[in-house]
Protein backbone atom coordinates (compact mmCIF):
# COMPACT_ATOMS: atom_id res chain seq x y z
CA ALA A 1 98.84 90.07 85.53
CA ALA A 2 100.44 93.52 85.54
CA HIS A 3 97.07 95.27 85.77
CA TYR A 4 95.88 93.15 88.70
CA GLY A 5 99.28 93.19 90.39
CA GLY A 6 99.37 96.97 90.13
CA ALA A 7 95.84 97.17 91.53
CA LEU A 8 96.83 95.10 94.57
CA VAL A 9 99.87 97.29 95.26
CA ASN A 10 97.75 100.42 94.71
CA ARG A 11 95.09 99.15 97.15
CA SER A 12 97.75 98.41 99.78
CA LEU A 13 99.22 101.89 99.39
CA TYR A 14 95.92 103.73 99.77
CA THR A 15 94.75 101.48 102.61
CA ARG A 16 97.92 102.40 104.51
CA LEU A 17 97.75 106.10 103.60
CA LEU A 18 94.05 106.64 104.22
CA GLY A 19 93.32 103.95 106.78
CA LYS A 20 90.92 101.06 106.44
CA GLU A 21 87.99 103.00 107.87
CA ASN A 22 88.16 105.52 105.01
CA ILE A 23 88.26 102.90 102.24
CA ARG A 24 84.66 101.87 101.75
CA ALA A 25 83.01 100.01 98.92
CA ALA A 26 80.38 102.01 97.11
CA CYS A 27 76.95 101.03 98.31
CA TYR A 28 74.02 101.64 96.07
CA VAL A 29 70.49 101.35 97.34
CA LEU A 30 67.85 100.60 94.75
CA PRO A 31 64.80 102.83 95.00
CA GLN A 32 61.60 101.14 96.09
CA ALA A 33 59.84 99.93 92.97
CA ALA A 34 56.17 99.20 92.56
CA GLY A 35 56.99 95.58 91.85
CA MET A 36 59.38 93.28 90.08
CA GLN A 37 58.40 94.46 86.58
CA GLN A 38 59.06 98.09 87.47
CA ALA A 39 62.39 97.20 89.10
CA VAL A 40 63.52 95.33 85.98
CA THR A 41 62.38 98.18 83.72
CA ASP A 42 64.20 100.73 85.87
CA SER A 43 67.35 98.57 85.78
CA ILE A 44 67.26 98.33 81.99
CA ILE A 45 66.77 102.08 81.57
CA SER A 46 69.55 102.83 84.06
CA SER A 47 71.91 100.39 82.32
CA LEU A 48 71.23 101.87 78.88
CA LYS A 49 71.80 105.37 80.21
CA ALA A 50 75.12 104.31 81.78
CA LEU A 51 76.20 102.54 78.59
CA GLY A 52 75.35 105.63 76.54
CA ILE A 53 77.43 107.85 78.82
CA ILE A 54 80.41 105.48 78.69
CA LEU A 55 80.25 105.19 74.90
CA ALA A 56 79.91 108.96 74.53
CA TYR A 57 83.10 109.51 76.52
CA ILE A 58 84.96 106.94 74.43
CA VAL A 59 83.83 108.51 71.15
CA LEU A 60 84.52 112.06 72.41
CA PHE A 61 88.08 111.28 73.46
CA MET A 62 88.81 109.18 70.35
CA TRP A 63 87.61 112.11 68.25
CA LEU A 64 89.71 114.56 70.28
CA THR A 65 92.80 112.37 69.89
CA ASP A 66 92.21 112.04 66.13
CA MET A 67 91.74 115.81 65.80
CA LEU A 68 95.00 116.49 67.66
CA HIS A 69 96.76 113.99 65.40
CA MET A 70 95.26 115.33 62.15
CA CYS A 71 95.86 118.96 63.08
CA GLY A 72 99.53 118.17 63.67
CA ALA A 73 99.47 119.05 67.37
CA LEU A 74 101.12 115.73 68.20
CA SER A 75 103.78 116.12 65.50
CA ILE A 76 105.79 118.39 67.79
CA ILE A 77 106.64 115.23 69.75
CA ASP A 78 109.62 113.59 68.05
CA SER A 79 109.49 110.21 69.79
CA GLN A 80 106.93 107.75 68.46
CA GLU A 81 106.72 106.13 71.90
CA ILE A 82 106.01 109.41 73.73
CA ARG A 83 103.46 110.36 71.07
CA ALA A 84 101.72 106.99 71.64
CA MET A 85 101.68 107.59 75.40
CA ALA A 86 100.26 111.09 74.88
CA LYS A 87 97.43 109.60 72.84
CA GLY A 88 96.88 106.98 75.54
CA MET A 89 96.67 109.65 78.23
CA LEU A 90 93.51 110.81 76.49
CA GLU A 91 92.03 107.48 75.37
CA MET A 92 93.52 104.13 76.28
CA THR A 93 92.62 102.06 73.23
CA VAL A 94 93.96 104.68 70.82
CA GLY A 95 97.18 104.81 72.84
CA CYS A 96 97.59 101.02 72.94
CA GLU A 97 97.08 100.87 69.18
CA ALA A 98 99.72 103.56 68.72
CA VAL A 99 102.11 101.66 71.02
CA SER A 100 101.68 98.52 68.92
CA GLU A 101 102.84 100.53 65.88
CA CYS A 102 106.08 101.70 67.54
CA ALA A 103 108.57 99.93 65.27
CA GLY A 104 111.70 100.72 67.26
CA ALA A 105 110.34 99.68 70.67
CA SER A 106 111.15 96.31 72.21
CA ASP A 107 108.38 93.93 73.20
CA ILE A 108 109.09 94.56 76.90
CA LEU A 109 108.79 98.32 76.41
CA LYS A 110 105.53 97.90 74.50
CA CYS A 111 104.18 95.65 77.25
CA VAL A 112 105.18 98.14 79.96
CA MET A 113 103.65 101.04 78.04
CA CYS A 114 100.38 99.20 77.36
CA SER A 115 100.17 98.00 80.97
CA ALA A 116 100.49 101.60 82.16
CA LEU A 117 97.90 102.83 79.66
CA VAL A 118 95.38 100.10 80.48
CA SER A 119 95.65 100.88 84.20
CA TRP A 120 95.52 104.64 83.60
CA GLY A 121 92.55 104.31 81.25
CA GLY A 122 92.94 107.82 79.86
CA LEU A 123 91.02 110.97 80.65
CA SER A 124 88.14 109.19 78.94
CA VAL A 125 87.91 106.70 81.81
CA ALA A 126 88.30 109.50 84.37
CA GLY A 127 85.28 111.21 82.81
CA GLN A 128 83.34 107.95 82.79
CA SER A 129 84.23 107.38 86.44
CA MET A 130 83.13 110.87 87.43
CA SER A 131 79.81 110.34 85.66
CA MET A 132 79.17 107.03 87.38
CA LEU A 133 80.35 108.30 90.80
CA SER A 134 78.54 111.65 90.77
CA GLY A 135 76.95 112.35 94.10
CA THR A 136 79.24 109.98 96.02
CA GLY A 137 81.77 112.59 97.11
CA VAL A 138 84.65 111.04 95.16
CA SER A 139 86.69 113.85 93.62
CA LEU A 140 88.29 114.01 90.19
CA GLY A 141 91.65 114.63 91.86
CA TYR A 142 91.36 111.40 93.86
CA ILE A 143 90.48 109.43 90.71
CA LEU A 144 93.39 110.92 88.76
CA VAL A 145 95.94 110.29 91.51
CA THR A 146 94.82 106.70 92.13
CA LYS A 147 94.74 105.95 88.39
CA LEU A 148 98.22 107.44 87.97
CA THR A 149 99.72 105.40 90.81
CA HIS A 150 97.94 102.28 89.50
CA ALA A 151 99.53 102.92 86.08
CA LEU A 152 102.99 103.29 87.60
CA PHE A 153 102.64 100.12 89.68
CA SER A 154 101.30 98.15 86.71
CA ALA A 155 104.19 99.32 84.55
CA GLY A 156 106.59 98.24 87.28
CA VAL A 157 105.00 94.80 87.53
CA ALA A 158 105.03 94.42 83.72
CA PHE A 159 108.71 95.39 83.61
CA THR A 160 109.58 92.95 86.39
CA VAL A 161 107.64 90.10 84.78
CA GLY A 162 109.23 90.94 81.42
CA LEU A 163 112.72 90.70 82.91
CA VAL A 164 111.94 87.38 84.58
CA VAL A 165 110.34 85.84 81.48
CA LEU A 166 113.09 86.95 79.10
């Protein structure tokens, strides 16, 4: 609920800031294929390529996060919660796992932190997005800003829902 609620608030913000005429859905035109068999084959190859890119980004950023952890680079951060968020800024699933291990954090705080991380997605998701959107004119800066505001809105929704439920 927090992720989708944050997405709706984020969409409303950017629609107002940029105007409806500048918010367009991505439109992909399939190349003319020599028939149905070729179109299906091309789709399968394209899907496997996209899946490989996405998985490569996930593995790369998980590895980077593990290296930072094992080398002690994250040990300079005293707070377990901030350390978990730092991991999540790189790769969301690693960060959410680290949040779940924060013994001193309340359930509401864990929910807020994980909601923010899921909506942020990590630099891993930003890289995946840039790969999939290459050639569309969408900039890395735009992706990072919209993901950051989405994370903040989702955290706000999670906090609000947490207060209402408890």
